[in-house]
Amino acid sequence: MEAAIAERLRALGAVVAPAAGAGFEEQWRAVRFGHGLFDQDWDVYGIDQYYTGNRALYHDDRTAFYDNLVAHYYSDHELPYGQDFHRDWLFTPFRAGSKDHGELDGLVEEDEVREVVAGTELDFICIFSSYGYPDHYFVCLTDPQPGNPTVYSTDHEQFFSEIESEGPLEEFLKRYMTRAEFREVVITYLDAKVAKS
């Protein structure tokens, strides 16, 4: 994976183990997040409830309130706050003998997937999942640009029968907020809301 991708992953809070000479699968599996990721269009899910439960701290020590809020949202849980989650599982529905082989039979043909996906073999790794739509993001392991592969999205409702290109991974990762960006979004939202009440 390109250095800019590893740098962005670190900025988002990942631990990225060096894997010189390894392929994308091994490099991605060496990435670790201890928290979910929030995209730039995030709708501040749960912030009102968090404020209600911690109102006294907000009024006594705003810095501590926001430190605690960010620590809560950026912790290792899967509470549904609209975040995406790092994943690293393989999906190989067109590889004979794989555990997934035939899983898409009757739902989608390999030729239909090839109309959207670039790659010699259609072996995928899920890189993120979410509670939203679409809820799965994949990379083809034989992408012609292995250092910055294209990200594809699909949803469990139309799993791989509807698949869209989300662009190169480096650009895709820019949709997520760093902790500092997240904090600013929450401060802007909550301080304005409290000022009106």
N, C-alpha and C. Protein backbone atom coordinates (compact mmCIF):
# COMPACT_ATOMS: atom_id res chain seq x y z
N MET A 1 0.85 -1.17 0.00
CA MET A 1 0.00 0.00 0.00
C MET A 1 0.89 1.23 0.00
N GLU A 2 0.44 2.25 -0.69
CA GLU A 2 1.24 3.46 -0.81
C GLU A 2 1.41 4.15 0.54
N ALA A 3 2.52 4.88 0.68
CA ALA A 3 2.84 5.56 1.93
C ALA A 3 1.75 6.54 2.34
N ALA A 4 1.12 7.23 1.38
CA ALA A 4 0.07 8.20 1.70
C ALA A 4 -1.13 7.51 2.34
N ILE A 5 -1.41 6.28 1.95
CA ILE A 5 -2.53 5.54 2.54
C ILE A 5 -2.19 5.17 3.98
N ALA A 6 -0.99 4.65 4.21
CA ALA A 6 -0.57 4.31 5.57
C ALA A 6 -0.58 5.54 6.46
N GLU A 7 -0.14 6.68 5.92
CA GLU A 7 -0.13 7.93 6.67
C GLU A 7 -1.56 8.36 7.04
N ARG A 8 -2.49 8.25 6.10
CA ARG A 8 -3.88 8.63 6.38
C ARG A 8 -4.49 7.69 7.41
N LEU A 9 -4.21 6.39 7.30
CA LEU A 9 -4.72 5.44 8.28
C LEU A 9 -4.22 5.79 9.68
N ARG A 10 -2.95 6.16 9.79
CA ARG A 10 -2.41 6.57 11.10
C ARG A 10 -3.10 7.83 11.60
N ALA A 11 -3.34 8.79 10.71
CA ALA A 11 -4.03 10.03 11.10
C ALA A 11 -5.43 9.73 11.61
N LEU A 12 -6.04 8.66 11.10
CA LEU A 12 -7.38 8.26 11.53
C LEU A 12 -7.35 7.41 12.80
N GLY A 13 -6.15 7.13 13.31
CA GLY A 13 -6.02 6.42 14.58
C GLY A 13 -5.63 4.97 14.47
N ALA A 14 -5.25 4.52 13.29
CA ALA A 14 -4.88 3.11 13.11
C ALA A 14 -3.43 2.88 13.52
N VAL A 15 -3.17 1.66 13.93
CA VAL A 15 -1.80 1.17 14.05
C VAL A 15 -1.54 0.44 12.74
N VAL A 16 -0.51 0.86 12.04
CA VAL A 16 -0.17 0.26 10.75
C VAL A 16 1.20 -0.39 10.90
N ALA A 17 1.21 -1.71 10.91
CA ALA A 17 2.47 -2.44 11.05
C ALA A 17 3.20 -2.44 9.71
N PRO A 18 4.48 -2.18 9.73
CA PRO A 18 5.22 -2.21 8.47
C PRO A 18 5.20 -3.62 7.87
N ALA A 19 4.97 -3.69 6.58
CA ALA A 19 4.90 -4.98 5.91
C ALA A 19 5.55 -4.84 4.53
N ALA A 20 6.83 -4.51 4.53
CA ALA A 20 7.54 -4.29 3.27
C ALA A 20 7.48 -5.54 2.40
N GLY A 21 7.14 -5.33 1.14
CA GLY A 21 7.10 -6.43 0.20
C GLY A 21 5.86 -7.29 0.25
N ALA A 22 5.00 -7.06 1.22
CA ALA A 22 3.77 -7.86 1.34
C ALA A 22 2.72 -7.34 0.37
N GLY A 23 1.79 -8.20 0.01
CA GLY A 23 0.68 -7.80 -0.84
C GLY A 23 -0.37 -7.04 -0.05
N PHE A 24 -1.37 -6.54 -0.74
CA PHE A 24 -2.39 -5.72 -0.08
C PHE A 24 -3.09 -6.48 1.04
N GLU A 25 -3.44 -7.74 0.82
CA GLU A 25 -4.14 -8.50 1.86
C GLU A 25 -3.35 -8.52 3.16
N GLU A 26 -2.07 -8.87 3.09
CA GLU A 26 -1.23 -8.93 4.29
C GLU A 26 -1.08 -7.56 4.93
N GLN A 27 -0.91 -6.54 4.09
CA GLN A 27 -0.77 -5.19 4.63
C GLN A 27 -2.05 -4.74 5.32
N TRP A 28 -3.21 -5.01 4.70
CA TRP A 28 -4.47 -4.58 5.30
C TRP A 28 -4.73 -5.33 6.59
N ARG A 29 -4.39 -6.59 6.63
CA ARG A 29 -4.60 -7.37 7.85
C ARG A 29 -3.68 -6.94 8.98
N ALA A 30 -2.64 -6.19 8.67
CA ALA A 30 -1.74 -5.66 9.69
C ALA A 30 -2.24 -4.32 10.25
N VAL A 31 -3.30 -3.77 9.67
CA VAL A 31 -3.89 -2.51 10.15
C VAL A 31 -4.81 -2.83 11.32
N ARG A 32 -4.73 -2.04 12.39
CA ARG A 32 -5.58 -2.23 13.56
C ARG A 32 -6.19 -0.90 13.99
N PHE A 33 -7.50 -0.92 14.16
CA PHE A 33 -8.22 0.21 14.73
C PHE A 33 -8.82 -0.24 16.05
N GLY A 34 -8.78 0.60 17.06
CA GLY A 34 -9.43 0.32 18.33
C GLY A 34 -10.76 1.05 18.45
N HIS A 35 -11.28 1.51 17.30
CA HIS A 35 -12.50 2.31 17.30
C HIS A 35 -13.09 2.34 15.90
N GLY A 36 -14.33 2.80 15.81
CA GLY A 36 -14.97 2.99 14.51
C GLY A 36 -14.51 4.30 13.88
N LEU A 37 -14.96 4.52 12.65
CA LEU A 37 -14.64 5.74 11.92
C LEU A 37 -15.92 6.46 11.54
N PHE A 38 -15.88 7.77 11.61
CA PHE A 38 -17.04 8.60 11.31
C PHE A 38 -16.77 9.39 10.04
N ASP A 39 -17.73 9.36 9.11
CA ASP A 39 -17.49 10.06 7.85
C ASP A 39 -17.83 11.54 7.97
N GLN A 40 -17.39 12.30 6.99
CA GLN A 40 -17.54 13.76 7.00
C GLN A 40 -19.00 14.20 7.04
N ASP A 41 -19.91 13.35 6.58
CA ASP A 41 -21.34 13.68 6.56
C ASP A 41 -22.09 13.11 7.76
N TRP A 42 -21.37 12.74 8.80
CA TRP A 42 -21.95 12.10 9.98
C TRP A 42 -23.01 12.99 10.61
N ASP A 43 -24.09 12.38 11.09
CA ASP A 43 -25.24 13.13 11.61
C ASP A 43 -25.29 13.23 13.14
N VAL A 44 -24.17 13.27 13.80
CA VAL A 44 -24.04 13.42 15.26
C VAL A 44 -24.97 12.48 16.05
N TYR A 45 -25.07 11.24 15.62
CA TYR A 45 -25.91 10.26 16.32
C TYR A 45 -25.49 10.10 17.78
N GLY A 46 -26.46 10.19 18.67
CA GLY A 46 -26.23 9.93 20.07
C GLY A 46 -25.67 11.09 20.88
N ILE A 47 -25.33 12.19 20.23
CA ILE A 47 -24.70 13.31 20.94
C ILE A 47 -25.68 13.95 21.92
N ASP A 48 -26.94 14.10 21.53
CA ASP A 48 -27.93 14.69 22.43
C ASP A 48 -28.08 13.84 23.70
N GLN A 49 -28.12 12.53 23.54
CA GLN A 49 -28.24 11.64 24.70
C GLN A 49 -26.99 11.72 25.57
N TYR A 50 -25.84 11.80 24.92
CA TYR A 50 -24.60 11.89 25.68
C TYR A 50 -24.59 13.19 26.49
N TYR A 51 -25.01 14.27 25.88
CA TYR A 51 -25.08 15.56 26.58
C TYR A 51 -26.03 15.47 27.77
N THR A 52 -27.21 14.89 27.55
CA THR A 52 -28.21 14.77 28.63
C THR A 52 -27.63 14.01 29.82
N GLY A 53 -26.90 12.95 29.55
CA GLY A 53 -26.32 12.15 30.63
C GLY A 53 -25.10 12.78 31.28
N ASN A 54 -24.54 13.80 30.66
CA ASN A 54 -23.31 14.41 31.17
C ASN A 54 -23.40 15.94 31.21
N ARG A 55 -24.61 16.43 31.36
CA ARG A 55 -24.88 17.88 31.34
C ARG A 55 -24.07 18.64 32.39
N ALA A 56 -23.98 18.10 33.59
CA ALA A 56 -23.25 18.80 34.66
C ALA A 56 -21.79 19.00 34.29
N LEU A 57 -21.16 17.97 33.76
CA LEU A 57 -19.75 18.10 33.35
C LEU A 57 -19.60 19.12 32.22
N TYR A 58 -20.53 19.13 31.29
CA TYR A 58 -20.48 20.10 30.19
C TYR A 58 -20.43 21.52 30.75
N HIS A 59 -21.26 21.81 31.74
CA HIS A 59 -21.32 23.17 32.30
C HIS A 59 -20.18 23.46 33.27
N ASP A 60 -19.62 22.41 33.89
CA ASP A 60 -18.52 22.60 34.85
C ASP A 60 -17.15 22.64 34.18
N ASP A 61 -16.95 21.77 33.19
CA ASP A 61 -15.62 21.64 32.57
C ASP A 61 -15.78 21.14 31.14
N ARG A 62 -15.95 22.09 30.23
CA ARG A 62 -16.22 21.73 28.83
C ARG A 62 -15.09 20.91 28.21
N THR A 63 -13.86 21.24 28.55
CA THR A 63 -12.73 20.48 27.99
C THR A 63 -12.82 19.02 28.40
N ALA A 64 -13.06 18.76 29.68
CA ALA A 64 -13.19 17.38 30.16
C ALA A 64 -14.40 16.70 29.51
N PHE A 65 -15.49 17.43 29.37
CA PHE A 65 -16.68 16.88 28.72
C PHE A 65 -16.35 16.39 27.32
N TYR A 66 -15.70 17.25 26.52
CA TYR A 66 -15.39 16.87 25.13
C TYR A 66 -14.30 15.79 25.08
N ASP A 67 -13.35 15.83 26.00
CA ASP A 67 -12.35 14.75 26.06
C ASP A 67 -13.04 13.41 26.29
N ASN A 68 -13.96 13.38 27.25
CA ASN A 68 -14.69 12.14 27.57
C ASN A 68 -15.58 11.71 26.42
N LEU A 69 -16.25 12.66 25.78
CA LEU A 69 -17.13 12.34 24.66
C LEU A 69 -16.34 11.71 23.52
N VAL A 70 -15.23 12.32 23.15
CA VAL A 70 -14.41 11.77 22.06
C VAL A 70 -13.87 10.40 22.46
N ALA A 71 -13.42 10.25 23.70
CA ALA A 71 -12.93 8.94 24.15
C ALA A 71 -14.04 7.89 24.08
N HIS A 72 -15.26 8.28 24.41
CA HIS A 72 -16.39 7.34 24.34
C HIS A 72 -16.67 6.93 22.90
N TYR A 73 -16.76 7.88 22.01
CA TYR A 73 -17.07 7.57 20.61
C TYR A 73 -15.92 6.84 19.92
N TYR A 74 -14.70 7.15 20.30
CA TYR A 74 -13.53 6.50 19.71
C TYR A 74 -13.01 5.39 20.62
N SER A 75 -13.91 4.54 21.06
CA SER A 75 -13.52 3.38 21.86
C SER A 75 -13.93 2.11 21.11
N ASP A 76 -13.51 0.98 21.64
CA ASP A 76 -13.74 -0.31 20.98
C ASP A 76 -15.12 -0.84 21.32
N HIS A 77 -16.12 -0.36 20.60
CA HIS A 77 -17.49 -0.83 20.77
C HIS A 77 -18.17 -0.78 19.41
N GLU A 78 -19.32 -1.39 19.31
CA GLU A 78 -20.07 -1.34 18.06
C GLU A 78 -21.48 -0.80 18.30
N LEU A 79 -21.59 0.15 19.26
CA LEU A 79 -22.87 0.83 19.46
C LEU A 79 -23.20 1.58 18.18
N PRO A 80 -24.45 1.58 17.77
CA PRO A 80 -24.80 2.17 16.47
C PRO A 80 -24.85 3.70 16.48
N TYR A 81 -23.69 4.31 16.25
CA TYR A 81 -23.59 5.76 16.17
C TYR A 81 -23.36 6.24 14.74
N GLY A 82 -23.61 5.39 13.76
CA GLY A 82 -23.42 5.79 12.37
C GLY A 82 -21.99 5.66 11.87
N GLN A 83 -21.17 4.94 12.60
CA GLN A 83 -19.77 4.81 12.23
C GLN A 83 -19.53 3.60 11.32
N ASP A 84 -18.36 3.59 10.70
CA ASP A 84 -17.91 2.44 9.92
C ASP A 84 -16.86 1.70 10.74
N PHE A 85 -16.72 0.41 10.46
CA PHE A 85 -15.81 -0.44 11.22
C PHE A 85 -14.77 -1.08 10.31
N HIS A 86 -13.53 -1.09 10.74
CA HIS A 86 -12.45 -1.76 10.01
C HIS A 86 -12.74 -3.26 9.96
N ARG A 87 -12.55 -3.84 8.81
CA ARG A 87 -12.72 -5.29 8.63
C ARG A 87 -11.54 -5.81 7.81
N ASP A 88 -11.35 -7.13 7.84
CA ASP A 88 -10.28 -7.72 7.04
C ASP A 88 -10.58 -9.16 6.63
N TRP A 89 -11.85 -9.44 6.34
CA TRP A 89 -12.21 -10.81 5.95
C TRP A 89 -12.29 -10.94 4.44
N LEU A 90 -11.91 -12.12 3.98
CA LEU A 90 -11.91 -12.41 2.55
C LEU A 90 -13.29 -12.84 2.08
N PHE A 91 -13.58 -12.52 0.82
CA PHE A 91 -14.80 -12.98 0.16
C PHE A 91 -14.39 -13.40 -1.24
N THR A 92 -14.46 -14.71 -1.50
CA THR A 92 -13.96 -15.28 -2.75
C THR A 92 -15.04 -16.13 -3.41
N PRO A 93 -16.15 -15.52 -3.83
CA PRO A 93 -17.29 -16.29 -4.33
C PRO A 93 -17.08 -16.94 -5.69
N PHE A 94 -16.08 -16.51 -6.42
CA PHE A 94 -15.87 -17.06 -7.76
C PHE A 94 -14.65 -17.98 -7.83
N ARG A 95 -13.98 -18.22 -6.70
CA ARG A 95 -12.81 -19.10 -6.68
C ARG A 95 -13.25 -20.52 -6.33
N ALA A 96 -13.06 -21.43 -7.24
CA ALA A 96 -13.44 -22.83 -7.01
C ALA A 96 -12.71 -23.36 -5.79
N GLY A 97 -13.46 -24.06 -4.94
CA GLY A 97 -12.89 -24.67 -3.75
C GLY A 97 -12.83 -23.76 -2.53
N SER A 98 -13.12 -22.48 -2.69
CA SER A 98 -13.09 -21.58 -1.52
C SER A 98 -14.36 -21.76 -0.70
N LYS A 99 -14.33 -21.34 0.55
CA LYS A 99 -15.51 -21.49 1.42
C LYS A 99 -16.69 -20.65 0.92
N ASP A 100 -16.40 -19.60 0.15
CA ASP A 100 -17.46 -18.73 -0.38
C ASP A 100 -17.93 -19.13 -1.77
N HIS A 101 -17.25 -20.08 -2.39
CA HIS A 101 -17.57 -20.42 -3.79
C HIS A 101 -19.04 -20.79 -3.92
N GLY A 102 -19.69 -20.17 -4.87
CA GLY A 102 -21.10 -20.46 -5.13
C GLY A 102 -22.07 -19.65 -4.29
N GLU A 103 -21.57 -18.84 -3.37
CA GLU A 103 -22.47 -18.08 -2.48
C GLU A 103 -23.37 -17.11 -3.25
N LEU A 104 -22.91 -16.65 -4.39
CA LEU A 104 -23.70 -15.71 -5.18
C LEU A 104 -24.46 -16.38 -6.32
N ASP A 105 -24.40 -17.72 -6.40
CA ASP A 105 -25.10 -18.43 -7.47
C ASP A 105 -26.58 -18.07 -7.48
N GLY A 106 -27.08 -17.73 -8.65
CA GLY A 106 -28.48 -17.36 -8.80
C GLY A 106 -28.78 -15.92 -8.45
N LEU A 107 -27.80 -15.22 -7.89
CA LEU A 107 -27.99 -13.82 -7.51
C LEU A 107 -27.28 -12.87 -8.46
N VAL A 108 -26.06 -13.23 -8.83
CA VAL A 108 -25.26 -12.38 -9.71
C VAL A 108 -24.25 -13.27 -10.43
N GLU A 109 -23.98 -12.91 -11.66
CA GLU A 109 -23.01 -13.65 -12.47
C GLU A 109 -21.65 -12.96 -12.40
N GLU A 110 -20.61 -13.75 -12.54
CA GLU A 110 -19.25 -13.22 -12.52
C GLU A 110 -19.07 -12.13 -13.58
N ASP A 111 -19.63 -12.32 -14.77
CA ASP A 111 -19.50 -11.32 -15.84
C ASP A 111 -20.10 -9.98 -15.43
N GLU A 112 -21.19 -10.00 -14.66
CA GLU A 112 -21.81 -8.76 -14.20
C GLU A 112 -20.88 -8.00 -13.25
N VAL A 113 -20.22 -8.74 -12.37
CA VAL A 113 -19.28 -8.12 -11.43
C VAL A 113 -18.09 -7.56 -12.20
N ARG A 114 -17.62 -8.29 -13.19
CA ARG A 114 -16.47 -7.85 -13.99
C ARG A 114 -16.75 -6.56 -14.76
N GLU A 115 -18.01 -6.25 -15.02
CA GLU A 115 -18.35 -4.99 -15.69
C GLU A 115 -17.98 -3.78 -14.83
N VAL A 116 -17.92 -3.99 -13.52
CA VAL A 116 -17.63 -2.89 -12.58
C VAL A 116 -16.22 -3.01 -12.00
N VAL A 117 -15.81 -4.23 -11.68
CA VAL A 117 -14.58 -4.47 -10.93
C VAL A 117 -13.41 -4.75 -11.87
N ALA A 118 -12.31 -4.04 -11.65
CA ALA A 118 -11.06 -4.33 -12.36
C ALA A 118 -10.26 -5.32 -11.53
N GLY A 119 -9.77 -6.35 -12.17
CA GLY A 119 -8.96 -7.35 -11.48
C GLY A 119 -8.98 -8.65 -12.25
N THR A 120 -7.88 -9.37 -12.21
CA THR A 120 -7.82 -10.62 -12.96
C THR A 120 -8.65 -11.71 -12.30
N GLU A 121 -8.54 -11.84 -11.00
CA GLU A 121 -9.35 -12.79 -10.23
C GLU A 121 -10.25 -11.96 -9.32
N LEU A 122 -11.48 -12.40 -9.15
CA LEU A 122 -12.42 -11.64 -8.31
C LEU A 122 -12.39 -12.14 -6.87
N ASP A 123 -11.24 -11.98 -6.25
CA ASP A 123 -11.06 -12.27 -4.83
C ASP A 123 -11.06 -10.93 -4.11
N PHE A 124 -11.87 -10.83 -3.07
CA PHE A 124 -12.07 -9.55 -2.39
C PHE A 124 -11.66 -9.64 -0.92
N ILE A 125 -11.35 -8.48 -0.36
CA ILE A 125 -11.21 -8.34 1.08
C ILE A 125 -12.14 -7.21 1.50
N CYS A 126 -12.95 -7.48 2.52
CA CYS A 126 -13.82 -6.44 3.07
C CYS A 126 -12.94 -5.54 3.92
N ILE A 127 -12.95 -4.24 3.63
CA ILE A 127 -12.09 -3.32 4.38
C ILE A 127 -12.85 -2.52 5.44
N PHE A 128 -14.16 -2.29 5.21
CA PHE A 128 -15.01 -1.62 6.19
C PHE A 128 -16.43 -2.13 6.07
N SER A 129 -17.16 -2.05 7.18
CA SER A 129 -18.60 -2.31 7.16
C SER A 129 -19.25 -1.24 8.01
N SER A 130 -20.58 -1.12 7.87
CA SER A 130 -21.28 -0.07 8.61
C SER A 130 -22.72 -0.49 8.88
N TYR A 131 -23.43 0.34 9.64
CA TYR A 131 -24.86 0.14 9.85
C TYR A 131 -25.68 0.86 8.78
N GLY A 132 -25.03 1.65 7.94
CA GLY A 132 -25.72 2.46 6.95
C GLY A 132 -25.81 1.78 5.59
N TYR A 133 -26.09 2.60 4.59
CA TYR A 133 -26.16 2.11 3.22
C TYR A 133 -25.12 2.83 2.40
N PRO A 134 -24.30 2.15 1.65
CA PRO A 134 -24.12 0.70 1.63
C PRO A 134 -23.40 0.24 2.90
N ASP A 135 -23.51 -1.04 3.19
CA ASP A 135 -22.93 -1.50 4.46
C ASP A 135 -21.66 -2.34 4.34
N HIS A 136 -21.13 -2.49 3.14
CA HIS A 136 -19.86 -3.21 2.96
C HIS A 136 -19.00 -2.49 1.92
N TYR A 137 -17.71 -2.42 2.23
CA TYR A 137 -16.73 -1.85 1.30
C TYR A 137 -15.64 -2.88 1.07
N PHE A 138 -15.34 -3.15 -0.19
CA PHE A 138 -14.39 -4.18 -0.57
C PHE A 138 -13.31 -3.62 -1.48
N VAL A 139 -12.19 -4.34 -1.51
CA VAL A 139 -11.12 -4.12 -2.47
C VAL A 139 -10.89 -5.45 -3.16
N CYS A 140 -10.67 -5.41 -4.47
CA CYS A 140 -10.31 -6.62 -5.22
C CYS A 140 -8.81 -6.84 -5.05
N LEU A 141 -8.43 -8.04 -4.62
CA LEU A 141 -7.03 -8.32 -4.33
C LEU A 141 -6.14 -8.38 -5.56
N THR A 142 -6.75 -8.43 -6.74
CA THR A 142 -5.95 -8.41 -7.98
C THR A 142 -6.16 -7.11 -8.74
N ASP A 143 -6.47 -6.05 -8.01
CA ASP A 143 -6.65 -4.73 -8.63
C ASP A 143 -5.37 -4.35 -9.39
N PRO A 144 -5.52 -3.72 -10.56
CA PRO A 144 -4.33 -3.34 -11.33
C PRO A 144 -3.45 -2.30 -10.63
N GLN A 145 -3.97 -1.63 -9.61
CA GLN A 145 -3.20 -0.66 -8.83
C GLN A 145 -3.10 -1.16 -7.38
N PRO A 146 -2.29 -2.17 -7.10
CA PRO A 146 -2.28 -2.77 -5.77
C PRO A 146 -1.86 -1.83 -4.64
N GLY A 147 -1.11 -0.78 -4.96
CA GLY A 147 -0.70 0.17 -3.93
C GLY A 147 -1.80 1.13 -3.53
N ASN A 148 -2.77 1.32 -4.41
CA ASN A 148 -3.89 2.23 -4.17
C ASN A 148 -5.12 1.67 -4.91
N PRO A 149 -5.63 0.53 -4.45
CA PRO A 149 -6.71 -0.14 -5.18
C PRO A 149 -8.03 0.61 -5.10
N THR A 150 -8.90 0.29 -6.04
CA THR A 150 -10.25 0.86 -6.05
C THR A 150 -11.08 0.22 -4.95
N VAL A 151 -11.88 1.02 -4.28
CA VAL A 151 -12.82 0.54 -3.26
C VAL A 151 -14.18 0.39 -3.93
N TYR A 152 -14.86 -0.72 -3.62
CA TYR A 152 -16.20 -0.99 -4.15
C TYR A 152 -17.17 -1.10 -2.98
N SER A 153 -18.38 -0.61 -3.20
CA SER A 153 -19.40 -0.69 -2.16
C SER A 153 -20.55 -1.58 -2.62
N THR A 154 -21.14 -2.25 -1.64
CA THR A 154 -22.36 -3.03 -1.88
C THR A 154 -23.10 -3.11 -0.56
N ASP A 155 -24.34 -3.55 -0.60
CA ASP A 155 -25.17 -3.64 0.59
C ASP A 155 -25.68 -5.06 0.75
N HIS A 156 -25.92 -5.48 1.98
CA HIS A 156 -26.36 -6.86 2.21
C HIS A 156 -27.69 -7.16 1.53
N GLU A 157 -28.50 -6.14 1.27
CA GLU A 157 -29.79 -6.35 0.61
C GLU A 157 -29.64 -6.74 -0.86
N GLN A 158 -28.60 -6.22 -1.51
CA GLN A 158 -28.34 -6.52 -2.93
C GLN A 158 -26.88 -6.95 -3.08
N PHE A 159 -26.42 -7.80 -2.18
CA PHE A 159 -25.01 -8.15 -2.07
C PHE A 159 -24.41 -8.52 -3.42
N PHE A 160 -23.57 -7.66 -3.92
CA PHE A 160 -22.83 -7.80 -5.17
C PHE A 160 -23.70 -7.75 -6.42
N SER A 161 -25.03 -7.78 -6.30
CA SER A 161 -25.84 -7.57 -7.50
C SER A 161 -25.90 -6.08 -7.81
N GLU A 162 -25.68 -5.26 -6.79
CA GLU A 162 -25.47 -3.83 -6.96
C GLU A 162 -24.13 -3.50 -6.33
N ILE A 163 -23.19 -3.12 -7.16
CA ILE A 163 -21.84 -2.81 -6.69
C ILE A 163 -21.38 -1.55 -7.40
N GLU A 164 -20.78 -0.64 -6.64
CA GLU A 164 -20.35 0.64 -7.21
C GLU A 164 -18.91 0.92 -6.84
N SER A 165 -18.23 1.59 -7.74
CA SER A 165 -16.87 2.05 -7.47
C SER A 165 -16.94 3.29 -6.58
N GLU A 166 -16.15 3.29 -5.53
CA GLU A 166 -16.06 4.45 -4.63
C GLU A 166 -14.76 5.22 -4.87
N GLY A 167 -13.97 4.78 -5.85
CA GLY A 167 -12.72 5.45 -6.17
C GLY A 167 -11.53 4.81 -5.48
N PRO A 168 -10.35 5.37 -5.70
CA PRO A 168 -9.13 4.82 -5.11
C PRO A 168 -9.15 4.90 -3.58
N LEU A 169 -8.50 3.96 -2.94
CA LEU A 169 -8.48 3.88 -1.48
C LEU A 169 -7.98 5.18 -0.84
N GLU A 170 -6.95 5.78 -1.41
CA GLU A 170 -6.42 7.02 -0.83
C GLU A 170 -7.50 8.10 -0.75
N GLU A 171 -8.28 8.26 -1.81
CA GLU A 171 -9.38 9.23 -1.81
C GLU A 171 -10.51 8.78 -0.89
N PHE A 172 -10.83 7.51 -0.91
CA PHE A 172 -11.90 6.96 -0.09
C PHE A 172 -11.67 7.28 1.39
N LEU A 173 -10.44 7.13 1.85
CA LEU A 173 -10.13 7.36 3.27
C LEU A 173 -10.32 8.81 3.70
N LYS A 174 -10.34 9.73 2.75
CA LYS A 174 -10.55 11.15 3.08
C LYS A 174 -11.97 11.43 3.53
N ARG A 175 -12.87 10.47 3.33
CA ARG A 175 -14.26 10.67 3.78
C ARG A 175 -14.38 10.58 5.29
N TYR A 176 -13.38 10.02 5.95
CA TYR A 176 -13.44 9.83 7.40
C TYR A 176 -12.77 10.98 8.14
N MET A 177 -13.33 11.30 9.31
CA MET A 177 -12.80 12.38 10.15
C MET A 177 -11.72 11.85 11.10
N THR A 178 -10.71 12.68 11.32
CA THR A 178 -9.76 12.42 12.39
C THR A 178 -10.48 12.73 13.71
N ARG A 179 -9.86 12.37 14.82
CA ARG A 179 -10.46 12.71 16.13
C ARG A 179 -10.63 14.22 16.28
N ALA A 180 -9.64 14.98 15.83
CA ALA A 180 -9.72 16.44 15.96
C ALA A 180 -10.87 17.00 15.12
N GLU A 181 -11.04 16.48 13.92
CA GLU A 181 -12.16 16.93 13.07
C GLU A 181 -13.50 16.55 13.69
N PHE A 182 -13.57 15.34 14.23
CA PHE A 182 -14.79 14.87 14.90
C PHE A 182 -15.12 15.81 16.07
N ARG A 183 -14.11 16.11 16.87
CA ARG A 183 -14.30 16.98 18.03
C ARG A 183 -14.86 18.34 17.60
N GLU A 184 -14.32 18.92 16.54
CA GLU A 184 -14.80 20.22 16.07
C GLU A 184 -16.25 20.16 15.60
N VAL A 185 -16.62 19.08 14.92
CA VAL A 185 -18.02 18.91 14.47
C VAL A 185 -18.94 18.87 15.68
N VAL A 186 -18.56 18.11 16.69
CA VAL A 186 -19.39 17.96 17.89
C VAL A 186 -19.47 19.28 18.66
N ILE A 187 -18.35 19.96 18.82
CA ILE A 187 -18.34 21.24 19.52
C ILE A 187 -19.25 22.24 18.81
N THR A 188 -19.12 22.34 17.51
CA THR A 188 -19.95 23.27 16.73
C THR A 188 -21.43 22.95 16.91
N TYR A 189 -21.77 21.67 16.80
CA TYR A 189 -23.17 21.26 16.93
C TYR A 189 -23.70 21.51 18.33
N LEU A 190 -23.00 20.99 19.33
CA LEU A 190 -23.53 21.01 20.70
C LEU A 190 -23.50 22.41 21.31
N ASP A 191 -22.44 23.16 21.09
CA ASP A 191 -22.39 24.51 21.65
C ASP A 191 -23.50 25.39 21.06
N ALA A 192 -23.78 25.23 19.77
CA ALA A 192 -24.87 25.99 19.15
C ALA A 192 -26.22 25.55 19.71
N LYS A 193 -26.40 24.27 19.90
CA LYS A 193 -27.67 23.75 20.42
C LYS A 193 -27.90 24.22 21.86
N VAL A 194 -26.87 24.14 22.69
CA VAL A 194 -27.00 24.55 24.09
C VAL A 194 -27.23 26.06 24.17
N ALA A 195 -26.58 26.83 23.33
CA ALA A 195 -26.75 28.29 23.34
C ALA A 195 -28.19 28.69 23.02
N LYS A 196 -28.88 27.90 22.19
CA LYS A 196 -30.27 28.20 21.82
C LYS A 196 -31.26 27.81 22.91
N SER A 197 -30.85 26.92 23.82
CA SER A 197 -31.82 26.44 24.83
C SER A 197 -31.85 27.29 26.07
